[in-house]
Amino acid sequence: MSTPTERPVTAAAPSSPETVMLDAAREEFERYGIRRTNMDDIARRAGISRSTLYRRFPNKDALVEMLVLHDTAAFFGALDQVAADRDPRGAVVECFTRGVRLTQEMPLVARILESEPELVLGLTTRTDGAPIIQAAKQVASTLRRSGATMSDADLAAVSELLVRIAVSLMLNPQGQLDISDQDAVRQYADRYLARLVW
């Protein structure tokens, strides 16, 4: 029997095979880029056979898509926390500021934006803009929870505009706004973007 100061020893839960495959893919993509990584590299890093990898993910695009889905969920989960207890304008300012920082802190996103930005454009055009539409829906939902009172149509349009501005800045950061300066990003969001929401 353990005393209150002792903790029982428990084994760490084993990673699922899919998690092992995704972690291996992430490591390879971050190190070598998506284009230069092949399924053999991922299988070798995961310690599995190629056929096992192909049974779960029929091609590299399927792996990339799953990683993007995981990262997108984590990204918007973090932004939801930032928006909590803020009014709509405050949510725009702080979420935009944190979102720009997150894209710089996420190694896979940073690697893609640095060496393969055309993959982002390819993903949005190949899927008829689905990632932008889905991101805009998540932004609209967050802003509505923050108290935005604008019509659904206006909120959807503004949310899509905010996402498109963010994507544009990520893909081509050279310009008037220095996205490496968090204070400048916050001022930009406060001056130009917060007024779009009511």
Protein backbone atom coordinates (compact mmCIF):
# COMPACT_ATOMS: atom_id res chain seq x y z
CA MET A 1 0.00 0.00 0.00
CA SER A 2 1.40 3.38 -0.91
CA THR A 3 1.53 6.27 1.50
CA PRO A 4 0.22 9.72 0.46
CA THR A 5 3.73 10.87 -0.44
CA GLU A 6 4.47 7.87 -2.67
CA ARG A 7 3.20 7.50 -6.17
CA PRO A 8 2.56 4.08 -7.63
CA VAL A 9 4.85 3.18 -10.49
CA THR A 10 2.98 2.89 -13.77
CA ALA A 11 4.27 2.01 -17.18
CA ALA A 12 3.94 4.64 -19.85
CA ALA A 13 1.21 3.86 -22.34
CA PRO A 14 2.72 2.49 -25.53
CA SER A 15 2.38 4.64 -28.61
CA SER A 16 -0.09 3.44 -31.18
CA PRO A 17 1.41 2.18 -34.45
CA GLU A 18 -0.14 5.16 -36.26
CA THR A 19 1.46 7.58 -33.78
CA VAL A 20 4.85 5.95 -34.32
CA MET A 21 4.43 6.32 -38.10
CA LEU A 22 3.32 9.94 -37.84
CA ASP A 23 6.15 10.81 -35.45
CA ALA A 24 8.67 9.24 -37.84
CA ALA A 25 7.17 11.13 -40.78
CA ARG A 26 7.27 14.40 -38.85
CA GLU A 27 10.94 13.90 -37.95
CA GLU A 28 11.88 13.11 -41.54
CA PHE A 29 9.83 16.01 -42.96
CA GLU A 30 11.28 18.47 -40.46
CA ARG A 31 14.84 17.34 -41.13
CA TYR A 32 14.81 16.83 -44.91
CA GLY A 33 11.63 18.49 -46.17
CA ILE A 34 8.57 16.83 -47.59
CA ARG A 35 9.77 16.61 -51.17
CA ARG A 36 13.08 14.95 -50.28
CA THR A 37 11.59 12.41 -47.88
CA ASN A 38 10.29 9.10 -49.19
CA MET A 39 8.20 6.35 -47.64
CA ASP A 40 11.28 4.12 -47.19
CA ASP A 41 12.90 6.78 -44.99
CA ILE A 42 9.76 7.04 -42.85
CA ALA A 43 9.38 3.26 -42.48
CA ARG A 44 13.04 2.91 -41.50
CA ARG A 45 12.77 5.67 -38.88
CA ALA A 46 9.55 4.13 -37.50
CA GLY A 47 11.19 0.70 -37.33
CA ILE A 48 8.53 -0.91 -39.49
CA SER A 49 8.32 -2.42 -42.93
CA ARG A 50 7.31 -0.43 -45.97
CA SER A 51 4.26 -2.65 -46.42
CA THR A 52 3.08 -1.86 -42.89
CA LEU A 53 3.40 1.84 -43.57
CA TYR A 54 1.63 1.54 -46.93
CA ARG A 55 -1.25 -0.41 -45.37
CA ARG A 56 -2.04 2.57 -43.13
CA PHE A 57 -0.97 5.40 -45.45
CA PRO A 58 -1.22 4.61 -49.18
CA ASN A 59 1.17 7.43 -50.10
CA LYS A 60 3.18 10.32 -48.74
CA ASP A 61 0.36 12.79 -49.41
CA ALA A 62 -1.88 10.86 -47.01
CA LEU A 63 0.80 11.15 -44.31
CA VAL A 64 1.22 14.87 -44.92
CA GLU A 65 -2.54 15.37 -44.80
CA MET A 66 -2.82 13.55 -41.46
CA LEU A 67 0.03 15.60 -39.97
CA VAL A 68 -1.58 18.81 -41.22
CA LEU A 69 -4.88 17.78 -39.60
CA HIS A 70 -3.13 17.08 -36.28
CA ASP A 71 -1.19 20.34 -36.37
CA THR A 72 -4.25 22.34 -37.40
CA ALA A 73 -6.25 20.93 -34.49
CA ALA A 74 -3.43 21.79 -32.06
CA PHE A 75 -3.03 25.25 -33.59
CA PHE A 76 -6.70 26.17 -33.29
CA GLY A 77 -6.93 24.58 -29.86
CA ALA A 78 -4.18 26.94 -28.70
CA LEU A 79 -5.94 29.92 -30.28
CA ASP A 80 -9.23 28.97 -28.60
CA GLN A 81 -7.44 29.17 -25.26
CA VAL A 82 -6.01 32.58 -26.17
CA ALA A 83 -9.49 33.85 -27.13
CA ALA A 84 -11.14 32.64 -23.92
CA ASP A 85 -12.57 35.49 -21.82
CA ARG A 86 -11.75 38.13 -24.46
CA ASP A 87 -14.16 40.31 -26.38
CA PRO A 88 -14.20 39.79 -30.18
CA ARG A 89 -11.72 42.56 -30.92
CA GLY A 90 -9.35 41.41 -28.19
CA ALA A 91 -9.67 37.86 -29.51
CA VAL A 92 -8.69 39.01 -33.02
CA VAL A 93 -5.66 40.89 -31.75
CA GLU A 94 -4.35 38.21 -29.41
CA CYS A 95 -5.18 35.25 -31.66
CA PHE A 96 -3.58 36.87 -34.69
CA THR A 97 -0.48 37.71 -32.65
CA ARG A 98 -0.24 34.21 -31.15
CA GLY A 99 -1.06 32.56 -34.48
CA VAL A 100 1.82 34.31 -36.24
CA ARG A 101 4.15 33.23 -33.43
CA LEU A 102 2.89 29.63 -33.50
CA THR A 103 3.62 29.29 -37.21
CA GLN A 104 7.21 30.27 -36.45
CA GLU A 105 7.47 27.88 -33.48
CA MET A 106 6.03 24.75 -35.11
CA PRO A 107 9.05 23.03 -36.71
CA LEU A 108 7.14 21.32 -39.53
CA VAL A 109 5.28 24.50 -40.49
CA ALA A 110 8.48 26.55 -40.27
CA ARG A 111 10.31 24.01 -42.48
CA ILE A 112 7.55 24.05 -45.12
CA LEU A 113 7.32 27.83 -45.16
CA GLU A 114 11.10 28.17 -45.39
CA SER A 115 11.89 25.61 -48.05
CA GLU A 116 8.64 24.44 -49.69
CA PRO A 117 6.00 27.20 -49.47
CA GLU A 118 4.49 26.11 -52.77
CA LEU A 119 3.18 23.03 -50.95
CA VAL A 120 0.77 25.25 -49.01
CA LEU A 121 -0.54 26.74 -52.23
CA GLY A 122 -0.74 23.29 -53.79
CA LEU A 123 -2.74 21.96 -50.86
CA THR A 124 -5.26 24.79 -51.02
CA THR A 125 -5.70 24.62 -54.80
CA ARG A 126 -5.78 20.82 -54.96
CA THR A 127 -8.57 20.73 -52.37
CA ASP A 128 -10.62 23.67 -53.74
CA GLY A 129 -9.58 25.84 -50.80
CA ALA A 130 -10.82 23.40 -48.13
CA PRO A 131 -8.08 24.26 -45.59
CA ILE A 132 -8.90 27.98 -45.81
CA ILE A 133 -12.62 27.32 -45.58
CA GLN A 134 -12.17 25.01 -42.59
CA ALA A 135 -9.83 27.47 -40.85
CA ALA A 136 -12.31 30.29 -41.46
CA LYS A 137 -15.08 28.22 -39.86
CA GLN A 138 -12.92 27.67 -36.80
CA VAL A 139 -12.08 31.38 -36.59
CA ALA A 140 -15.77 32.28 -36.92
CA SER A 141 -16.69 29.82 -34.17
CA THR A 142 -14.04 31.25 -31.84
CA LEU A 143 -15.14 34.83 -32.54
CA ARG A 144 -18.80 33.94 -31.97
CA ARG A 145 -17.88 32.42 -28.58
CA SER A 146 -16.04 35.67 -27.82
CA GLY A 147 -19.28 37.57 -28.32
CA ALA A 148 -19.20 38.70 -31.97
CA THR A 149 -22.70 39.96 -32.82
CA MET A 150 -22.33 40.43 -36.57
CA SER A 151 -24.48 38.34 -38.92
CA ASP A 152 -23.33 34.82 -39.77
CA ALA A 153 -22.61 35.89 -43.36
CA ASP A 154 -20.50 38.87 -42.24
CA LEU A 155 -18.68 36.78 -39.65
CA ALA A 156 -17.91 34.08 -42.24
CA ALA A 157 -16.58 36.68 -44.71
CA VAL A 158 -14.43 38.44 -42.11
CA SER A 159 -13.10 35.14 -40.75
CA GLU A 160 -12.07 34.03 -44.23
CA LEU A 161 -10.41 37.41 -44.80
CA LEU A 162 -8.44 37.07 -41.54
CA VAL A 163 -7.27 33.59 -42.53
CA ARG A 164 -6.25 34.76 -46.01
CA ILE A 165 -4.26 37.67 -44.55
CA ALA A 166 -2.49 35.30 -42.16
CA VAL A 167 -1.68 32.81 -44.93
CA SER A 168 -0.40 35.60 -47.16
CA LEU A 169 1.90 36.85 -44.41
CA MET A 170 3.17 33.34 -43.75
CA LEU A 171 3.91 32.66 -47.40
CA ASN A 172 5.49 36.03 -48.12
CA PRO A 173 6.64 37.66 -44.87
CA GLN A 174 8.58 40.46 -46.58
CA GLY A 175 6.69 43.72 -46.41
CA GLN A 176 5.75 46.56 -44.15
CA LEU A 177 4.97 44.31 -41.16
CA ASP A 178 7.91 42.59 -39.45
CA ILE A 179 6.24 39.35 -38.37
CA SER A 180 9.22 38.49 -36.17
CA ASP A 181 8.35 41.48 -33.93
CA GLN A 182 5.46 40.37 -31.71
CA ASP A 183 4.67 43.92 -30.60
CA ALA A 184 4.49 45.09 -34.22
CA VAL A 185 2.18 42.16 -35.07
CA ARG A 186 -0.07 43.03 -32.12
CA GLN A 187 -0.20 46.70 -33.15
CA TYR A 188 -0.98 45.72 -36.74
CA ALA A 189 -3.81 43.44 -35.61
CA ASP A 190 -5.20 46.10 -33.27
CA ARG A 191 -5.03 48.90 -35.83
CA TYR A 192 -6.14 47.09 -39.00
CA LEU A 193 -7.83 43.78 -38.17
CA ALA A 194 -9.77 44.23 -34.92
CA ARG A 195 -12.04 46.83 -36.51
CA LEU A 196 -13.33 44.19 -38.92
CA VAL A 197 -15.21 42.42 -36.09
CA TRP A 198 -18.13 43.59 -33.97
